[in-house]
Amino acid sequence: MTDPGEWAQIENPDAIVLTTLDGKVVQWNAGAQAVFGYTADEATSVVYLK
């Protein structure tokens, strides 16, 4: 992992969720898992905006 932004996202205790403009989750960190209760695999398989 060489991108500082990627490292900050992974090591950050806050929930960080990145989505595409159409609502597909593309990044989900451990903080998001702690807050929302879904694993990254579960969260990235759903489109949240319709």
Protein backbone atom coordinates (compact mmCIF):
# COMPACT_ATOMS: atom_id res chain seq x y z
CA MET A 1 0.00 0.00 0.00
CA THR A 2 1.73 3.16 -1.17
CA ASP A 3 -1.13 5.68 -1.35
CA PRO A 4 -1.24 7.80 1.86
CA GLY A 5 -4.98 8.34 1.41
CA GLU A 6 -5.57 4.60 1.29
CA TRP A 7 -3.50 4.09 4.45
CA ALA A 8 -5.41 6.86 6.28
CA GLN A 9 -8.72 5.28 5.32
CA ILE A 10 -7.73 1.83 6.55
CA GLU A 11 -6.15 3.04 9.81
CA ASN A 12 -8.90 5.59 10.61
CA PRO A 13 -11.31 4.54 13.41
CA ASP A 14 -14.08 6.68 11.84
CA ALA A 15 -16.51 5.17 9.36
CA ILE A 16 -15.35 5.96 5.82
CA VAL A 17 -17.52 4.88 2.91
CA LEU A 18 -16.72 5.75 -0.70
CA THR A 19 -19.40 5.39 -3.35
CA THR A 20 -19.76 5.94 -7.06
CA LEU A 21 -22.16 8.64 -8.24
CA ASP A 22 -24.83 6.00 -8.77
CA GLY A 23 -24.60 4.75 -5.16
CA LYS A 24 -22.41 1.64 -5.46
CA VAL A 25 -20.12 1.24 -2.44
CA VAL A 26 -16.50 0.86 -3.60
CA GLN A 27 -14.60 1.29 -0.30
CA TRP A 28 -15.71 0.39 3.23
CA ASN A 29 -13.28 0.58 6.14
CA ALA A 30 -13.23 -1.15 9.54
CA GLY A 31 -14.79 1.93 11.16
CA ALA A 32 -17.78 1.61 8.84
CA GLN A 33 -18.06 -2.05 9.77
CA ALA A 34 -18.07 -1.14 13.47
CA VAL A 35 -20.72 1.56 13.01
CA PHE A 36 -23.04 -0.15 10.52
CA GLY A 37 -22.40 -3.83 11.30
CA TYR A 38 -21.75 -4.95 7.71
CA THR A 39 -18.49 -6.36 6.40
CA ALA A 40 -16.84 -4.74 3.39
CA ASP A 41 -17.92 -7.71 1.24
CA GLU A 42 -21.55 -7.29 2.32
CA ALA A 43 -21.55 -3.52 1.85
CA THR A 44 -19.88 -3.49 -1.56
CA SER A 45 -22.44 -5.91 -3.01
CA VAL A 46 -25.33 -3.43 -2.61
CA VAL A 47 -26.33 -0.27 -4.51
CA TYR A 48 -27.72 2.26 -2.01
CA LEU A 49 -29.21 4.83 -4.39
CA LYS A 50 -31.90 3.95 -6.88
